[in-house]
Structure formats: C-alpha cells, structure tokens
Amino acid sequence: MARGDSIETDLQKSPLLPERPDPVAAFEAERAKVTAQRRVYNAVFFVGTLILFIWSFSVGEIFGGEIGNDPLGRMLTFLDKMTPDLEPSALMAGAETPGSISNWYYGMPLWGPALLETVQMAVFATVLGTALSIPAALLCSRNLIPYAPLRGIVRRTLEAIRTLPDVIVAMILVAAFGIGPLAGVITIVLSTVGRLGKLFSEINENADMRQLEGIRSSGGSWWDQIRYGLFPQVAPGYASYAMLKFEGNISAAAALGIVGAGGIGIELSRAITYIQFTDYLAILLMMTVLIFAIDITSEAIRHRLIGVKVATA
C-alpha cells in the first residue's frame, strides 16, 4: 500500500474527524417524515369530511324525520307520480285521447310562449350584461389601470354583486316592479356583470403587453392600445365565456320564474302549486331539450371562435 493511501485511510478512521452523513439515507429519512405527515393530514381530512357528511345527512333528515327513513323509496315514488300514463297504441292521437303525447302536453299553448320568453330574457340579459362587463373588466385589470383605488372600487363592486343570490334579488325586484320578465332580466344582468367582469379581467391580465407597448411607443392613445392591441387578443376568450354564461342564464331565467320573474318558471310554479306531477316532467323535459340544443350550438361557436377543431368520426 502506498504511503499516501495509508495516510488517507488513517485520517478517515481518525475519531477526531466527523463522519460524513450519507446523503441517500438523509433523503430517505426526510421522505419518510414527509410521507408520514401527509398520511396524517389525509387521515384527518378524511375523518373530518366523513363527520361533516354524516352530520349533513342528519340535519337534512335524509334518513329520518316525519317523512320516513327511506329516501330512495321516496324518490322512486315521486318519479312514479311524475311519469305520465302513456298508452303505446294512442301515443300519436289527439289531445282529447288519454294516454297520448298531445294529451300529456296539453299546456303547450301556454308553455311554448313562456319558454320563448325565457330564451328572450336570457339573450337580452346576456348581451347587455356582457356589454357592461367589458368596461368593468378594463377598469379592474392591473396591467391596464395603474390607479389602484379605482381598481379596488370596481373589484369590490363586482365581488359584492357576485355574493347576491339570484333568487333573493329576483324576489326583491318582483316586489319592486311586479310580476314579469323585467325583474328576471335585471337579476340576470347583475349576475352576468359580476361573473363575466371577473373572468374578463383575468383574460386581460394574461394578454401580451408587448403589442400595447408598441402602439404606445408609436404615439397611440390608451384607447388605441385597447382597441388595436388588447381586443384582438382577448375577443375569442370574451366570446367563449359569454356563450358559456348564456347557457347558465337560460337555466337561471327558467328558475327565476318560480318567484314570478317571468319565463317558463311561472308555469312550473303553477304546476308545483297545484301538485300536477306530470306537468313537472313535461316542462322539465322541454327545458332540458332546449338547454341541450343551446349547449351544442354554443359549443360549436366557441370552438370556431378559439380555433379548436372538433374531431369527427
């Protein structure tokens, strides 16, 4: 053995020198510690969620209360009451024939115009709400408005609007303006502004500012930067979120009618009041078909606007 190797071996064996920690062992120990902590957190979260779930069932009287302790049976009973007594041999018969589809949908002279009114409410409210959301989004975008107090006021206003339950707002407006679509339209406009204003501002803050800087450096005004530098970037995103909100506004317009805010919801409220179970299902099916059709159409429009090609079989 060479003298140098002997000296190095002696130094390594010397009790005066501290032993070098094994990095692999240290890593494994730290990993085991983190894994154990994560398991404890997951167990606590699972137990807490389970307790909350059981407590919610207890408070909601799902398995108890005066109406019985068989929720599945109650649901099946209710669905059975909603199902009309259709006769296969009389499905296509006239409205006077029991068991026909026309007899089931006897209320179409009222339901059809009410459903059309629901669509009109949603269309008008979405267009107006989207138009109001754009300036609100511009005023609360950090990369567009350097004046922080103004941004804060607009942001807090949008947050306050989003906290208002649509049904409560509709009830207040019905009391103020009377039964009809006006209360529903105003409610949906407020909801649209509160939600789209926040989403549009996030789109604005993710825009490429180099295009706006180029327009500003060439002498363009603030509006020129917005018009020629920002809007071409964010327009597809604006349209996509507006179409998505329109789908939700259809459902909202139908639901708000229950409190007298116009649309098909008024007819649904009448059916609920007079316990006309088969009318529930008839109106709900109409609403479902309408929303499916609007969803498919708006999805195609959104994909076209954002440049997404839908694969076809």
C-alpha atoms as a PDB file:
ATOM      1  CA  MET A   1       0.000   0.000   0.000  1.00  0.00           C
ATOM      2  CA  ALA A   2       1.325   3.453  -0.870  1.00  0.00           C
ATOM      3  CA  ARG A   3       2.134   5.867   1.889  1.00  0.00           C
ATOM      4  CA  GLY A   4      -0.464   8.393   0.646  1.00  0.00           C
ATOM      5  CA  ASP A   5      -3.224   5.805   0.714  1.00  0.00           C
ATOM      6  CA  SER A   6      -2.213   4.781   4.206  1.00  0.00           C
ATOM      7  CA  ILE A   7      -2.384   8.367   5.450  1.00  0.00           C
ATOM      8  CA  GLU A   8      -5.834   8.899   3.867  1.00  0.00           C
ATOM      9  CA  THR A   9      -7.117   5.689   5.437  1.00  0.00           C
ATOM     10  CA  ASP A  10      -5.808   6.716   8.839  1.00  0.00           C
ATOM     11  CA  LEU A  11      -7.474  10.129   8.548  1.00  0.00           C
ATOM     12  CA  GLN A  12     -10.807   8.560   7.673  1.00  0.00           C
ATOM     13  CA  LYS A  13     -10.559   6.236  10.676  1.00  0.00           C
ATOM     14  CA  SER A  14      -9.484   9.029  12.999  1.00  0.00           C
ATOM     15  CA  PRO A  15     -12.011   9.730  15.771  1.00  0.00           C
ATOM     16  CA  LEU A  16     -11.192  13.439  15.552  1.00  0.00           C
ATOM     17  CA  LEU A  17     -12.882  13.803  12.151  1.00  0.00           C
ATOM     18  CA  PRO A  18     -16.716  13.795  11.990  1.00  0.00           C
ATOM     19  CA  GLU A  19     -18.328  11.087   9.934  1.00  0.00           C
ATOM     20  CA  ARG A  20     -19.828  12.252   6.650  1.00  0.00           C
ATOM     21  CA  PRO A  21     -23.609  11.798   6.566  1.00  0.00           C
ATOM     22  CA  ASP A  22     -24.976   9.508   3.940  1.00  0.00           C
ATOM     23  CA  PRO A  23     -26.998  11.758   1.536  1.00  0.00           C
ATOM     24  CA  VAL A  24     -29.166   8.863   0.382  1.00  0.00           C
ATOM     25  CA  ALA A  25     -30.063   7.924   3.947  1.00  0.00           C
ATOM     26  CA  ALA A  26     -30.790  11.563   4.798  1.00  0.00           C
ATOM     27  CA  PHE A  27     -33.069  11.867   1.772  1.00  0.00           C
ATOM     28  CA  GLU A  28     -34.929   8.672   2.624  1.00  0.00           C
ATOM     29  CA  ALA A  29     -35.405   9.819   6.218  1.00  0.00           C
ATOM     30  CA  GLU A  30     -36.803  13.174   5.128  1.00  0.00           C
ATOM     31  CA  ARG A  31     -39.060  11.500   2.577  1.00  0.00           C
ATOM     32  CA  ALA A  32     -40.397   9.104   5.197  1.00  0.00           C
ATOM     33  CA  LYS A  33     -41.065  12.042   7.525  1.00  0.00           C
ATOM     34  CA  VAL A  34     -42.945  13.999   4.841  1.00  0.00           C
ATOM     35  CA  THR A  35     -44.901  10.888   3.810  1.00  0.00           C
ATOM     36  CA  ALA A  36     -45.938  10.222   7.402  1.00  0.00           C
ATOM     37  CA  GLN A  37     -47.100  13.817   7.833  1.00  0.00           C
ATOM     38  CA  ARG A  38     -49.047  13.650   4.606  1.00  0.00           C
ATOM     39  CA  ARG A  39     -50.753  10.442   5.709  1.00  0.00           C
ATOM     40  CA  VAL A  40     -51.758  12.067   8.982  1.00  0.00           C
ATOM     41  CA  TYR A  41     -53.158  15.107   7.154  1.00  0.00           C
ATOM     42  CA  ASN A  42     -55.074  12.884   4.733  1.00  0.00           C
ATOM     43  CA  ALA A  43     -56.490  10.819   7.577  1.00  0.00           C
ATOM     44  CA  VAL A  44     -57.601  13.933   9.457  1.00  0.00           C
ATOM     45  CA  PHE A  45     -59.157  15.362   6.300  1.00  0.00           C
ATOM     46  CA  PHE A  46     -60.961  12.098   5.545  1.00  0.00           C
ATOM     47  CA  VAL A  47     -62.333  11.771   9.071  1.00  0.00           C
ATOM     48  CA  GLY A  48     -63.403  15.420   9.140  1.00  0.00           C
ATOM     49  CA  THR A  49     -65.135  15.107   5.776  1.00  0.00           C
ATOM     50  CA  LEU A  50     -66.874  11.910   6.870  1.00  0.00           C
ATOM     51  CA  ILE A  51     -68.119  13.571  10.060  1.00  0.00           C
ATOM     52  CA  LEU A  52     -69.371  16.583   8.090  1.00  0.00           C
ATOM     53  CA  PHE A  53     -71.089  14.289   5.597  1.00  0.00           C
ATOM     54  CA  ILE A  54     -72.854  12.297   8.328  1.00  0.00           C
ATOM     55  CA  TRP A  55     -73.824  15.495  10.140  1.00  0.00           C
ATOM     56  CA  SER A  56     -75.257  16.930   6.896  1.00  0.00           C
ATOM     57  CA  PHE A  57     -77.340  13.793   6.419  1.00  0.00           C
ATOM     58  CA  SER A  58     -78.613  14.128   9.958  1.00  0.00           C
ATOM     59  CA  VAL A  59     -79.513  17.800   9.619  1.00  0.00           C
ATOM     60  CA  GLY A  60     -81.127  17.199   6.228  1.00  0.00           C
ATOM     61  CA  GLU A  61     -83.230  14.341   7.667  1.00  0.00           C
ATOM     62  CA  ILE A  62     -82.251  12.124   4.751  1.00  0.00           C
ATOM     63  CA  PHE A  63     -82.629   9.003   6.839  1.00  0.00           C
ATOM     64  CA  GLY A  64     -85.234  10.075   9.298  1.00  0.00           C
ATOM     65  CA  GLY A  65     -87.814  12.684  10.086  1.00  0.00           C
ATOM     66  CA  GLU A  66     -91.549  12.716   9.712  1.00  0.00           C
ATOM     67  CA  ILE A  67     -91.486  11.708   6.033  1.00  0.00           C
ATOM     68  CA  GLY A  68     -89.839   8.355   6.674  1.00  0.00           C
ATOM     69  CA  ASN A  69     -86.353   6.950   6.545  1.00  0.00           C
ATOM     70  CA  ASP A  70     -86.312   5.553   3.010  1.00  0.00           C
ATOM     71  CA  PRO A  71     -85.012   8.342   0.701  1.00  0.00           C
ATOM     72  CA  LEU A  72     -84.612   6.046  -2.293  1.00  0.00           C
ATOM     73  CA  GLY A  73     -88.157   4.803  -1.931  1.00  0.00           C
ATOM     74  CA  ARG A  74     -89.466   8.370  -1.631  1.00  0.00           C
ATOM     75  CA  MET A  75     -87.588   9.353  -4.797  1.00  0.00           C
ATOM     76  CA  LEU A  76     -88.950   6.392  -6.719  1.00  0.00           C
ATOM     77  CA  THR A  77     -92.472   7.184  -5.519  1.00  0.00           C
ATOM     78  CA  PHE A  78     -92.124  10.783  -6.663  1.00  0.00           C
ATOM     79  CA  LEU A  79     -90.757   9.727 -10.056  1.00  0.00           C
ATOM     80  CA  ASP A  80     -93.663   7.326 -10.434  1.00  0.00           C
ATOM     81  CA  LYS A  81     -96.106  10.175  -9.804  1.00  0.00           C
ATOM     82  CA  MET A  82     -94.317  12.324 -12.401  1.00  0.00           C
ATOM     83  CA  THR A  83     -94.431   9.632 -15.073  1.00  0.00           C
ATOM     84  CA  PRO A  84     -97.490  10.031 -17.319  1.00  0.00           C
ATOM     85  CA  ASP A  85     -99.743   7.112 -18.189  1.00  0.00           C
ATOM     86  CA  LEU A  86     -98.903   6.839 -21.869  1.00  0.00           C
ATOM     87  CA  GLU A  87    -100.546   4.190 -23.999  1.00  0.00           C
ATOM     88  CA  PRO A  88     -98.400   2.822 -26.885  1.00  0.00           C
ATOM     89  CA  SER A  89    -101.434   2.480 -29.132  1.00  0.00           C
ATOM     90  CA  ALA A  90    -102.502   6.094 -28.536  1.00  0.00           C
ATOM     91  CA  LEU A  91     -99.192   7.952 -28.486  1.00  0.00           C
ATOM     92  CA  MET A  92     -99.822   9.923 -31.671  1.00  0.00           C
ATOM     93  CA  ALA A  93    -103.508  10.507 -31.076  1.00  0.00           C
ATOM     94  CA  GLY A  94    -105.097  13.895 -30.479  1.00  0.00           C
ATOM     95  CA  ALA A  95    -105.106  15.926 -27.294  1.00  0.00           C
ATOM     96  CA  GLU A  96    -108.527  14.579 -26.329  1.00  0.00           C
ATOM     97  CA  THR A  97    -107.253  10.979 -26.197  1.00  0.00           C
ATOM     98  CA  PRO A  98    -105.940   9.912 -22.769  1.00  0.00           C
ATOM     99  CA  GLY A  99    -102.509   8.291 -22.938  1.00  0.00           C
ATOM    100  CA  SER A 100    -101.315  10.325 -25.934  1.00  0.00           C
ATOM    101  CA  ILE A 101     -98.355  12.669 -26.022  1.00  0.00           C
ATOM    102  CA  SER A 102    -100.631  15.539 -27.071  1.00  0.00           C
ATOM    103  CA  ASN A 103    -102.795  14.896 -24.039  1.00  0.00           C
ATOM    104  CA  TRP A 104     -99.712  14.957 -21.820  1.00  0.00           C
ATOM    105  CA  TYR A 105     -98.532  18.236 -23.356  1.00  0.00           C
ATOM    106  CA  TYR A 106    -101.962  19.837 -23.194  1.00  0.00           C
ATOM    107  CA  GLY A 107    -100.392  23.042 -21.885  1.00  0.00           C
ATOM    108  CA  MET A 108     -98.207  23.757 -24.926  1.00  0.00           C
ATOM    109  CA  PRO A 109    -100.247  26.865 -25.884  1.00  0.00           C
ATOM    110  CA  LEU A 110     -99.040  28.341 -22.581  1.00  0.00           C
ATOM    111  CA  TRP A 111     -95.717  26.571 -22.156  1.00  0.00           C
ATOM    112  CA  GLY A 112     -94.399  27.365 -25.639  1.00  0.00           C
ATOM    113  CA  PRO A 113     -94.651  31.172 -25.349  1.00  0.00           C
ATOM    114  CA  ALA A 114     -93.345  31.006 -21.776  1.00  0.00           C
ATOM    115  CA  LEU A 115     -90.315  29.020 -22.937  1.00  0.00           C
ATOM    116  CA  LEU A 116     -89.713  31.520 -25.724  1.00  0.00           C
ATOM    117  CA  GLU A 117     -89.895  34.322 -23.171  1.00  0.00           C
ATOM    118  CA  THR A 118     -87.240  32.507 -21.123  1.00  0.00           C
ATOM    119  CA  VAL A 119     -84.909  32.433 -24.133  1.00  0.00           C
ATOM    120  CA  GLN A 120     -85.586  36.113 -24.860  1.00  0.00           C
ATOM    121  CA  MET A 121     -84.784  37.029 -21.261  1.00  0.00           C
ATOM    122  CA  ALA A 122     -81.525  35.110 -21.368  1.00  0.00           C
ATOM    123  CA  VAL A 123     -80.466  36.545 -24.733  1.00  0.00           C
ATOM    124  CA  PHE A 124     -81.163  40.161 -23.794  1.00  0.00           C
ATOM    125  CA  ALA A 125     -79.629  39.848 -20.324  1.00  0.00           C
ATOM    126  CA  THR A 126     -76.514  38.111 -21.663  1.00  0.00           C
ATOM    127  CA  VAL A 127     -75.911  40.723 -24.363  1.00  0.00           C
ATOM    128  CA  LEU A 128     -76.458  43.659 -22.017  1.00  0.00           C
ATOM    129  CA  GLY A 129     -74.501  42.043 -19.173  1.00  0.00           C
ATOM    130  CA  THR A 130     -71.579  41.227 -21.468  1.00  0.00           C
ATOM    131  CA  ALA A 131     -71.514  44.793 -22.791  1.00  0.00           C
ATOM    132  CA  LEU A 132     -71.376  46.158 -19.246  1.00  0.00           C
ATOM    133  CA  SER A 133     -68.783  43.577 -18.173  1.00  0.00           C
ATOM    134  CA  ILE A 134     -66.181  44.740 -20.711  1.00  0.00           C
ATOM    135  CA  PRO A 135     -65.622  48.265 -19.292  1.00  0.00           C
ATOM    136  CA  ALA A 136     -65.818  46.880 -15.758  1.00  0.00           C
ATOM    137  CA  ALA A 137     -63.113  44.339 -16.611  1.00  0.00           C
ATOM    138  CA  LEU A 138     -60.911  47.014 -18.167  1.00  0.00           C
ATOM    139  CA  LEU A 139     -61.190  49.200 -15.067  1.00  0.00           C
ATOM    140  CA  CYS A 140     -60.106  46.426 -12.691  1.00  0.00           C
ATOM    141  CA  SER A 141     -57.226  44.952 -14.730  1.00  0.00           C
ATOM    142  CA  ARG A 142     -53.862  45.564 -13.062  1.00  0.00           C
ATOM    143  CA  ASN A 143     -51.928  45.773 -16.321  1.00  0.00           C
ATOM    144  CA  LEU A 144     -54.304  48.358 -17.813  1.00  0.00           C
ATOM    145  CA  ILE A 145     -55.261  50.676 -14.945  1.00  0.00           C
ATOM    146  CA  PRO A 146     -52.320  51.879 -12.818  1.00  0.00           C
ATOM    147  CA  TYR A 147     -54.594  53.726 -10.370  1.00  0.00           C
ATOM    148  CA  ALA A 148     -55.059  51.177  -7.570  1.00  0.00           C
ATOM    149  CA  PRO A 149     -58.023  52.824  -5.746  1.00  0.00           C
ATOM    150  CA  LEU A 150     -60.129  52.736  -8.912  1.00  0.00           C
ATOM    151  CA  ARG A 151     -59.290  49.079  -9.485  1.00  0.00           C
ATOM    152  CA  GLY A 152     -60.157  48.285  -5.895  1.00  0.00           C
ATOM    153  CA  ILE A 153     -63.557  50.005  -6.066  1.00  0.00           C
ATOM    154  CA  VAL A 154     -64.533  48.168  -9.246  1.00  0.00           C
ATOM    155  CA  ARG A 155     -63.277  44.810  -7.946  1.00  0.00           C
ATOM    156  CA  ARG A 156     -65.122  45.160  -4.645  1.00  0.00           C
ATOM    157  CA  THR A 157     -68.287  46.142  -6.516  1.00  0.00           C
ATOM    158  CA  LEU A 158     -68.098  43.048  -8.708  1.00  0.00           C
ATOM    159  CA  GLU A 159     -67.471  40.893  -5.638  1.00  0.00           C
ATOM    160  CA  ALA A 160     -70.499  42.395  -3.899  1.00  0.00           C
ATOM    161  CA  ILE A 161     -72.659  41.643  -6.944  1.00  0.00           C
ATOM    162  CA  ARG A 162     -71.440  38.034  -7.048  1.00  0.00           C
ATOM    163  CA  THR A 163     -72.382  37.484  -3.408  1.00  0.00           C
ATOM    164  CA  LEU A 164     -76.041  38.329  -4.063  1.00  0.00           C
ATOM    165  CA  PRO A 165     -78.178  35.191  -4.516  1.00  0.00           C
ATOM    166  CA  ASP A 166     -80.118  35.429  -7.769  1.00  0.00           C
ATOM    167  CA  VAL A 167     -83.360  34.205  -6.226  1.00  0.00           C
ATOM    168  CA  ILE A 168     -83.240  36.804  -3.420  1.00  0.00           C
ATOM    169  CA  VAL A 169     -82.501  39.606  -5.895  1.00  0.00           C
ATOM    170  CA  ALA A 170     -85.351  38.442  -8.122  1.00  0.00           C
ATOM    171  CA  MET A 171     -87.776  38.372  -5.179  1.00  0.00           C
ATOM    172  CA  ILE A 172     -86.811  41.935  -4.234  1.00  0.00           C
ATOM    173  CA  LEU A 173     -87.187  43.145  -7.823  1.00  0.00           C
ATOM    174  CA  VAL A 174     -90.529  41.380  -8.220  1.00  0.00           C
ATOM    175  CA  ALA A 175     -91.729  43.245  -5.140  1.00  0.00           C
ATOM    176  CA  ALA A 176     -90.424  46.492  -6.660  1.00  0.00           C
ATOM    177  CA  PHE A 177     -91.502  46.113 -10.313  1.00  0.00           C
ATOM    178  CA  GLY A 178     -94.219  43.490 -10.103  1.00  0.00           C
ATOM    179  CA  ILE A 179     -94.502  40.017 -11.613  1.00  0.00           C
ATOM    180  CA  GLY A 180     -92.987  39.790 -15.074  1.00  0.00           C
ATOM    181  CA  PRO A 181     -89.760  39.353 -17.020  1.00  0.00           C
ATOM    182  CA  LEU A 182     -88.270  42.756 -16.100  1.00  0.00           C
ATOM    183  CA  ALA A 183     -87.237  41.574 -12.643  1.00  0.00           C
ATOM    184  CA  GLY A 184     -85.685  38.453 -14.106  1.00  0.00           C
ATOM    185  CA  VAL A 185     -83.775  40.362 -16.777  1.00  0.00           C
ATOM    186  CA  ILE A 186     -82.292  42.806 -14.267  1.00  0.00           C
ATOM    187  CA  THR A 187     -81.310  39.932 -11.981  1.00  0.00           C
ATOM    188  CA  ILE A 188     -79.551  38.037 -14.770  1.00  0.00           C
ATOM    189  CA  VAL A 189     -77.806  41.210 -15.984  1.00  0.00           C
ATOM    190  CA  LEU A 190     -76.367  41.780 -12.500  1.00  0.00           C
ATOM    191  CA  SER A 191     -75.266  38.161 -12.257  1.00  0.00           C
ATOM    192  CA  THR A 192     -73.655  38.334 -15.710  1.00  0.00           C
ATOM    193  CA  VAL A 193     -71.751  41.521 -14.927  1.00  0.00           C
ATOM    194  CA  GLY A 194     -70.474  40.181 -11.614  1.00  0.00           C
ATOM    195  CA  ARG A 195     -69.154  36.945 -13.068  1.00  0.00           C
ATOM    196  CA  LEU A 196     -68.007  37.960 -16.537  1.00  0.00           C
ATOM    197  CA  GLY A 197     -66.366  41.108 -15.202  1.00  0.00           C
ATOM    198  CA  LYS A 198     -64.025  38.975 -13.095  1.00  0.00           C
ATOM    199  CA  LEU A 199     -63.347  36.467 -15.879  1.00  0.00           C
ATOM    200  CA  PHE A 200     -62.727  39.179 -18.483  1.00  0.00           C
ATOM    201  CA  SER A 201     -60.292  40.968 -16.171  1.00  0.00           C
ATOM    202  CA  GLU A 202     -58.292  37.757 -15.771  1.00  0.00           C
ATOM    203  CA  ILE A 203     -58.155  37.391 -19.565  1.00  0.00           C
ATOM    204  CA  ASN A 204     -56.931  40.992 -19.816  1.00  0.00           C
ATOM    205  CA  GLU A 205     -54.172  40.408 -17.284  1.00  0.00           C
ATOM    206  CA  ASN A 206     -52.894  37.427 -19.279  1.00  0.00           C
ATOM    207  CA  ALA A 207     -52.693  39.391 -22.539  1.00  0.00           C
ATOM    208  CA  ASP A 208     -49.341  40.067 -24.244  1.00  0.00           C
ATOM    209  CA  MET A 209     -48.487  43.647 -23.300  1.00  0.00           C
ATOM    210  CA  ARG A 210     -45.795  44.000 -25.968  1.00  0.00           C
ATOM    211  CA  GLN A 211     -48.440  44.761 -28.561  1.00  0.00           C
ATOM    212  CA  LEU A 212     -49.860  47.566 -26.417  1.00  0.00           C
ATOM    213  CA  GLU A 213     -46.365  48.911 -25.753  1.00  0.00           C
ATOM    214  CA  GLY A 214     -45.676  49.004 -29.495  1.00  0.00           C
ATOM    215  CA  ILE A 215     -48.834  51.033 -30.109  1.00  0.00           C
ATOM    216  CA  ARG A 216     -47.997  53.380 -27.246  1.00  0.00           C
ATOM    217  CA  SER A 217     -44.438  53.896 -28.457  1.00  0.00           C
ATOM    218  CA  SER A 218     -45.772  54.917 -31.878  1.00  0.00           C
ATOM    219  CA  GLY A 219     -47.969  57.601 -30.308  1.00  0.00           C
ATOM    220  CA  GLY A 220     -51.213  55.685 -29.800  1.00  0.00           C
ATOM    221  CA  SER A 221     -53.609  56.701 -27.048  1.00  0.00           C
ATOM    222  CA  TRP A 222     -54.828  54.432 -24.242  1.00  0.00           C
ATOM    223  CA  TRP A 223     -57.961  53.635 -26.211  1.00  0.00           C
ATOM    224  CA  ASP A 224     -55.883  52.851 -29.302  1.00  0.00           C
ATOM    225  CA  GLN A 225     -53.883  50.362 -27.220  1.00  0.00           C
ATOM    226  CA  ILE A 226     -57.084  48.734 -26.001  1.00  0.00           C
ATOM    227  CA  ARG A 227     -58.775  48.704 -29.390  1.00  0.00           C
ATOM    228  CA  TYR A 228     -55.896  47.553 -31.577  1.00  0.00           C
ATOM    229  CA  GLY A 229     -53.607  45.811 -29.094  1.00  0.00           C
ATOM    230  CA  LEU A 230     -55.850  44.180 -26.479  1.00  0.00           C
ATOM    231  CA  PHE A 231     -59.225  43.401 -28.065  1.00  0.00           C
ATOM    232  CA  PRO A 232     -57.827  41.286 -30.948  1.00  0.00           C
ATOM    233  CA  GLN A 233     -56.144  39.064 -28.328  1.00  0.00           C
ATOM    234  CA  VAL A 234     -58.997  38.742 -25.840  1.00  0.00           C
ATOM    235  CA  ALA A 235     -62.055  38.756 -28.142  1.00  0.00           C
ATOM    236  CA  PRO A 236     -62.167  34.937 -28.573  1.00  0.00           C
ATOM    237  CA  GLY A 237     -61.920  34.462 -24.807  1.00  0.00           C
ATOM    238  CA  TYR A 238     -64.614  37.061 -24.194  1.00  0.00           C
ATOM    239  CA  ALA A 239     -66.956  35.360 -26.653  1.00  0.00           C
ATOM    240  CA  SER A 240     -66.267  31.912 -25.218  1.00  0.00           C
ATOM    241  CA  TYR A 241     -67.090  32.947 -21.652  1.00  0.00           C
ATOM    242  CA  ALA A 242     -70.121  34.935 -22.817  1.00  0.00           C
ATOM    243  CA  MET A 243     -71.538  31.885 -24.605  1.00  0.00           C
ATOM    244  CA  LEU A 244     -70.868  29.741 -21.542  1.00  0.00           C
ATOM    245  CA  LYS A 245     -72.660  32.271 -19.345  1.00  0.00           C
ATOM    246  CA  PHE A 246     -75.567  32.336 -21.804  1.00  0.00           C
ATOM    247  CA  GLU A 247     -76.124  28.629 -21.193  1.00  0.00           C
ATOM    248  CA  GLY A 248     -76.283  29.262 -17.461  1.00  0.00           C
ATOM    249  CA  ASN A 249     -78.580  32.244 -17.958  1.00  0.00           C
ATOM    250  CA  ILE A 250     -81.111  30.021 -19.714  1.00  0.00           C
ATOM    251  CA  SER A 251     -81.352  27.870 -16.601  1.00  0.00           C
ATOM    252  CA  ALA A 252     -81.378  30.931 -14.365  1.00  0.00           C
ATOM    253  CA  ALA A 253     -84.205  32.553 -16.363  1.00  0.00           C
ATOM    254  CA  ALA A 254     -86.253  29.374 -16.022  1.00  0.00           C
ATOM    255  CA  ALA A 255     -85.600  29.078 -12.301  1.00  0.00           C
ATOM    256  CA  LEU A 256     -86.300  32.735 -11.513  1.00  0.00           C
ATOM    257  CA  GLY A 257     -89.762  32.415 -12.974  1.00  0.00           C
ATOM    258  CA  ILE A 258     -90.735  30.376  -9.929  1.00  0.00           C
ATOM    259  CA  VAL A 259     -90.652  33.584  -7.850  1.00  0.00           C
ATOM    260  CA  GLY A 260     -92.600  35.493 -10.514  1.00  0.00           C
ATOM    261  CA  ALA A 261     -89.707  36.835 -12.592  1.00  0.00           C
ATOM    262  CA  GLY A 262     -91.146  35.733 -15.949  1.00  0.00           C
ATOM    263  CA  GLY A 263     -90.494  32.823 -18.262  1.00  0.00           C
ATOM    264  CA  ILE A 264     -91.353  29.163 -18.090  1.00  0.00           C
ATOM    265  CA  GLY A 265     -90.687  29.133 -14.365  1.00  0.00           C
ATOM    266  CA  ILE A 266     -94.089  30.705 -13.768  1.00  0.00           C
ATOM    267  CA  GLU A 267     -95.761  27.701 -15.381  1.00  0.00           C
ATOM    268  CA  LEU A 268     -93.535  25.380 -13.371  1.00  0.00           C
ATOM    269  CA  SER A 269     -94.524  27.226 -10.204  1.00  0.00           C
ATOM    270  CA  ARG A 270     -98.184  26.818 -11.122  1.00  0.00           C
ATOM    271  CA  ALA A 271     -97.702  23.080 -11.605  1.00  0.00           C
ATOM    272  CA  ILE A 272     -95.976  22.846  -8.222  1.00  0.00           C
ATOM    273  CA  THR A 273     -98.740  24.839  -6.535  1.00  0.00           C
ATOM    274  CA  TYR A 274    -101.500  22.613  -7.897  1.00  0.00           C
ATOM    275  CA  ILE A 275     -99.462  19.392  -7.463  1.00  0.00           C
ATOM    276  CA  GLN A 276     -99.642  18.497 -11.131  1.00  0.00           C
ATOM    277  CA  PHE A 277     -96.852  15.960 -11.128  1.00  0.00           C
ATOM    278  CA  THR A 278     -96.949  15.032 -14.803  1.00  0.00           C
ATOM    279  CA  ASP A 279     -96.686  18.713 -15.730  1.00  0.00           C
ATOM    280  CA  TYR A 280     -93.400  18.846 -13.775  1.00  0.00           C
ATOM    281  CA  LEU A 281     -91.852  16.287 -16.057  1.00  0.00           C
ATOM    282  CA  ALA A 282     -93.300  17.766 -19.237  1.00  0.00           C
ATOM    283  CA  ILE A 283     -91.894  21.237 -18.508  1.00  0.00           C
ATOM    284  CA  LEU A 284     -88.564  19.889 -17.275  1.00  0.00           C
ATOM    285  CA  LEU A 285     -88.143  17.838 -20.452  1.00  0.00           C
ATOM    286  CA  MET A 286     -88.822  20.923 -22.555  1.00  0.00           C
ATOM    287  CA  MET A 287     -86.207  22.879 -20.624  1.00  0.00           C
ATOM    288  CA  THR A 288     -83.705  20.032 -20.880  1.00  0.00           C
ATOM    289  CA  VAL A 289     -84.081  19.715 -24.654  1.00  0.00           C
ATOM    290  CA  LEU A 290     -83.733  23.484 -25.031  1.00  0.00           C
ATOM    291  CA  ILE A 291     -80.571  23.628 -22.925  1.00  0.00           C
ATOM    292  CA  PHE A 292     -79.074  20.654 -24.780  1.00  0.00           C
ATOM    293  CA  ALA A 293     -79.679  22.381 -28.116  1.00  0.00           C
ATOM    294  CA  ILE A 294     -78.206  25.667 -26.898  1.00  0.00           C
ATOM    295  CA  ASP A 295     -75.230  23.888 -25.357  1.00  0.00           C
ATOM    296  CA  ILE A 296     -74.394  22.056 -28.587  1.00  0.00           C
ATOM    297  CA  THR A 297     -74.771  25.229 -30.648  1.00  0.00           C
ATOM    298  CA  SER A 298     -72.729  27.411 -28.299  1.00  0.00           C
ATOM    299  CA  GLU A 299     -70.015  24.764 -28.052  1.00  0.00           C
ATOM    300  CA  ALA A 300     -69.646  24.766 -31.831  1.00  0.00           C
ATOM    301  CA  ILE A 301     -69.495  28.560 -31.869  1.00  0.00           C
ATOM    302  CA  ARG A 302     -66.922  28.655 -29.064  1.00  0.00           C
ATOM    303  CA  HIS A 303     -64.711  26.122 -30.799  1.00  0.00           C
ATOM    304  CA  ARG A 304     -64.886  28.116 -34.010  1.00  0.00           C
ATOM    305  CA  LEU A 305     -64.007  31.352 -32.225  1.00  0.00           C
ATOM    306  CA  ILE A 306     -60.999  29.963 -30.364  1.00  0.00           C
ATOM    307  CA  GLY A 307     -59.812  27.909 -33.340  1.00  0.00           C
ATOM    308  CA  VAL A 308     -60.389  24.434 -31.937  1.00  0.00           C
ATOM    309  CA  LYS A 309     -61.071  21.725 -34.484  1.00  0.00           C
ATOM    310  CA  VAL A 310     -63.573  19.138 -33.308  1.00  0.00           C
ATOM    311  CA  ALA A 311     -62.613  15.612 -34.329  1.00  0.00           C
ATOM    312  CA  THR A 312     -65.275  13.819 -36.319  1.00  0.00           C
ATOM    313  CA  ALA A 313     -65.606  10.078 -36.684  1.00  0.00           C
END
